[in-house]
N, C-alpha and C. Protein backbone atom coordinates (compact mmCIF):
# COMPACT_ATOMS: atom_id res chain seq x y z
N MET A 1 2.35 -14.30 1.43
CA MET A 1 1.55 -13.51 0.51
C MET A 1 2.48 -12.91 -0.54
N LYS A 2 2.05 -12.97 -1.77
CA LYS A 2 2.84 -12.39 -2.86
C LYS A 2 2.63 -10.88 -2.87
N ARG A 3 3.73 -10.15 -2.87
CA ARG A 3 3.68 -8.69 -2.93
C ARG A 3 4.19 -8.22 -4.28
N GLU A 4 3.71 -7.06 -4.70
CA GLU A 4 4.20 -6.47 -5.94
C GLU A 4 5.00 -5.22 -5.60
N ASN A 5 6.13 -5.06 -6.27
CA ASN A 5 6.97 -3.89 -6.05
C ASN A 5 6.24 -2.64 -6.51
N VAL A 6 6.44 -1.55 -5.75
CA VAL A 6 5.79 -0.29 -6.06
C VAL A 6 6.84 0.83 -6.06
N GLU A 7 6.49 1.94 -6.70
CA GLU A 7 7.36 3.11 -6.74
C GLU A 7 6.91 4.06 -5.66
N SER A 8 7.68 4.15 -4.58
CA SER A 8 7.31 4.98 -3.46
C SER A 8 8.55 5.25 -2.62
N SER A 9 8.58 6.38 -1.97
CA SER A 9 9.69 6.67 -1.06
C SER A 9 9.47 6.01 0.31
N VAL A 10 8.27 5.49 0.54
CA VAL A 10 7.93 4.86 1.82
C VAL A 10 7.79 3.34 1.69
N LEU A 11 7.09 2.90 0.65
CA LEU A 11 6.78 1.48 0.46
C LEU A 11 7.66 0.86 -0.62
N LYS A 12 8.12 -0.35 -0.36
CA LYS A 12 8.87 -1.10 -1.37
C LYS A 12 7.96 -2.06 -2.13
N SER A 13 7.06 -2.74 -1.38
CA SER A 13 6.13 -3.67 -2.02
C SER A 13 4.84 -3.77 -1.22
N VAL A 14 3.78 -4.19 -1.92
CA VAL A 14 2.44 -4.29 -1.33
C VAL A 14 1.78 -5.56 -1.83
N GLY A 15 1.13 -6.29 -0.92
CA GLY A 15 0.34 -7.46 -1.28
C GLY A 15 -1.03 -7.35 -0.65
N TYR A 16 -2.02 -8.01 -1.26
CA TYR A 16 -3.38 -7.94 -0.72
C TYR A 16 -4.07 -9.28 -0.86
N ASP A 17 -4.73 -9.70 0.21
CA ASP A 17 -5.55 -10.91 0.22
C ASP A 17 -7.00 -10.46 0.39
N GLU A 18 -7.72 -10.45 -0.73
CA GLU A 18 -9.09 -9.93 -0.72
C GLU A 18 -10.02 -10.78 0.15
N GLN A 19 -9.85 -12.08 0.12
CA GLN A 19 -10.72 -12.97 0.89
C GLN A 19 -10.63 -12.68 2.39
N ASN A 20 -9.42 -12.42 2.88
CA ASN A 20 -9.21 -12.15 4.31
C ASN A 20 -9.12 -10.67 4.63
N LYS A 21 -9.24 -9.83 3.62
CA LYS A 21 -9.13 -8.36 3.77
C LYS A 21 -7.86 -7.98 4.51
N MET A 22 -6.75 -8.59 4.08
CA MET A 22 -5.46 -8.35 4.72
C MET A 22 -4.49 -7.74 3.72
N LEU A 23 -3.85 -6.68 4.14
CA LEU A 23 -2.86 -5.98 3.33
C LEU A 23 -1.50 -6.20 3.96
N GLU A 24 -0.52 -6.53 3.14
CA GLU A 24 0.84 -6.70 3.63
C GLU A 24 1.72 -5.66 2.96
N THR A 25 2.53 -4.98 3.76
CA THR A 25 3.42 -3.96 3.21
C THR A 25 4.85 -4.24 3.61
N GLU A 26 5.75 -3.96 2.70
CA GLU A 26 7.18 -3.96 2.98
C GLU A 26 7.64 -2.53 2.80
N LEU A 27 8.20 -1.96 3.84
CA LEU A 27 8.67 -0.58 3.78
C LEU A 27 10.08 -0.54 3.19
N VAL A 28 10.50 0.64 2.75
CA VAL A 28 11.83 0.75 2.17
C VAL A 28 12.93 0.44 3.19
N ASN A 29 12.62 0.56 4.49
CA ASN A 29 13.60 0.23 5.52
C ASN A 29 13.63 -1.26 5.84
N GLY A 30 12.81 -2.06 5.13
CA GLY A 30 12.80 -3.52 5.30
C GLY A 30 11.74 -4.05 6.24
N ALA A 31 11.05 -3.18 6.97
CA ALA A 31 10.02 -3.63 7.91
C ALA A 31 8.82 -4.20 7.15
N LEU A 32 8.24 -5.27 7.69
CA LEU A 32 7.06 -5.91 7.10
C LEU A 32 5.89 -5.80 8.07
N TYR A 33 4.72 -5.43 7.54
CA TYR A 33 3.52 -5.30 8.35
C TYR A 33 2.34 -5.96 7.66
N GLU A 34 1.44 -6.53 8.47
CA GLU A 34 0.13 -7.01 8.01
C GLU A 34 -0.92 -6.08 8.60
N TYR A 35 -1.82 -5.61 7.77
CA TYR A 35 -2.94 -4.77 8.22
C TYR A 35 -4.23 -5.53 7.99
N TYR A 36 -5.11 -5.48 9.00
CA TYR A 36 -6.34 -6.28 8.98
C TYR A 36 -7.56 -5.43 8.70
N GLU A 37 -8.59 -6.07 8.14
CA GLU A 37 -9.87 -5.42 7.82
C GLU A 37 -9.70 -4.25 6.86
N VAL A 38 -8.84 -4.45 5.87
CA VAL A 38 -8.64 -3.44 4.82
C VAL A 38 -9.59 -3.78 3.68
N HIS A 39 -10.56 -2.92 3.45
CA HIS A 39 -11.56 -3.15 2.41
C HIS A 39 -10.90 -3.12 1.03
N PRO A 40 -11.39 -3.94 0.09
CA PRO A 40 -10.80 -3.94 -1.26
C PRO A 40 -10.72 -2.54 -1.89
N SER A 41 -11.71 -1.70 -1.63
CA SER A 41 -11.67 -0.35 -2.23
C SER A 41 -10.49 0.46 -1.68
N GLU A 42 -10.10 0.22 -0.43
CA GLU A 42 -8.95 0.92 0.14
C GLU A 42 -7.66 0.46 -0.54
N TYR A 43 -7.57 -0.83 -0.80
CA TYR A 43 -6.40 -1.35 -1.50
C TYR A 43 -6.30 -0.72 -2.90
N ILE A 44 -7.41 -0.67 -3.60
CA ILE A 44 -7.43 -0.08 -4.94
C ILE A 44 -7.02 1.39 -4.88
N LYS A 45 -7.58 2.13 -3.92
CA LYS A 45 -7.22 3.55 -3.78
C LYS A 45 -5.74 3.72 -3.48
N LEU A 46 -5.20 2.84 -2.63
CA LEU A 46 -3.77 2.90 -2.33
C LEU A 46 -2.95 2.74 -3.61
N MET A 47 -3.26 1.69 -4.35
CA MET A 47 -2.46 1.37 -5.54
C MET A 47 -2.63 2.40 -6.65
N GLN A 48 -3.75 3.12 -6.66
CA GLN A 48 -4.00 4.12 -7.71
C GLN A 48 -3.65 5.54 -7.25
N SER A 49 -3.24 5.69 -6.01
CA SER A 49 -2.99 7.03 -5.49
C SER A 49 -1.74 7.64 -6.12
N GLU A 50 -1.74 8.95 -6.20
CA GLU A 50 -0.61 9.68 -6.74
C GLU A 50 0.61 9.51 -5.84
N SER A 51 0.36 9.46 -4.51
CA SER A 51 1.42 9.26 -3.54
C SER A 51 1.05 8.08 -2.65
N LEU A 52 1.66 6.94 -2.90
CA LEU A 52 1.37 5.76 -2.10
C LEU A 52 1.71 5.99 -0.64
N GLY A 53 2.83 6.63 -0.37
CA GLY A 53 3.26 6.88 0.99
C GLY A 53 2.27 7.75 1.75
N GLU A 54 1.76 8.78 1.09
CA GLU A 54 0.79 9.67 1.74
C GLU A 54 -0.51 8.92 2.05
N TYR A 55 -1.01 8.15 1.09
CA TYR A 55 -2.24 7.39 1.32
C TYR A 55 -2.02 6.34 2.41
N TYR A 56 -0.89 5.68 2.37
CA TYR A 56 -0.55 4.67 3.38
C TYR A 56 -0.55 5.29 4.77
N ASN A 57 0.14 6.41 4.92
CA ASN A 57 0.23 7.06 6.23
C ASN A 57 -1.12 7.58 6.73
N LYS A 58 -1.94 8.06 5.82
CA LYS A 58 -3.22 8.66 6.20
C LYS A 58 -4.32 7.62 6.41
N SER A 59 -4.38 6.61 5.56
CA SER A 59 -5.54 5.71 5.54
C SER A 59 -5.27 4.27 5.96
N ILE A 60 -4.11 3.75 5.67
CA ILE A 60 -3.84 2.34 5.95
C ILE A 60 -3.33 2.14 7.38
N LYS A 61 -2.48 3.02 7.85
CA LYS A 61 -1.86 2.84 9.17
C LYS A 61 -2.85 2.93 10.33
N ARG A 62 -4.06 3.37 10.07
CA ARG A 62 -5.07 3.44 11.13
C ARG A 62 -5.68 2.07 11.45
N HIS A 63 -5.45 1.10 10.58
CA HIS A 63 -5.98 -0.25 10.77
C HIS A 63 -5.19 -1.00 11.83
N ARG A 64 -5.82 -2.01 12.41
CA ARG A 64 -5.14 -2.91 13.32
C ARG A 64 -4.06 -3.63 12.51
N TYR A 65 -2.90 -3.84 13.11
CA TYR A 65 -1.79 -4.42 12.36
C TYR A 65 -0.92 -5.30 13.24
N ARG A 66 -0.02 -6.01 12.56
CA ARG A 66 0.99 -6.81 13.24
C ARG A 66 2.30 -6.64 12.48
N LYS A 67 3.38 -6.37 13.20
CA LYS A 67 4.69 -6.28 12.57
C LYS A 67 5.23 -7.69 12.41
N LEU A 68 5.71 -8.02 11.22
CA LEU A 68 6.16 -9.37 10.92
C LEU A 68 7.65 -9.57 11.17
N ASN A 69 8.42 -8.50 11.23
CA ASN A 69 9.86 -8.64 11.53
C ASN A 69 10.36 -7.50 12.36
């Protein structure tokens, strides 16, 4: 999945697959995660949030996920 670099103290890059409702995150520490059943509106809110790290910790991390590395 193609990710786009973001400005955050927590996240380095974020990718989203709308068809599969899957969000992929790369953290600044290098860890990669896939989050499942992430609604498109949640992805939009994440990318438009004032603090990506805060939104990620509060709203995205509650989803089922898999660590990729």
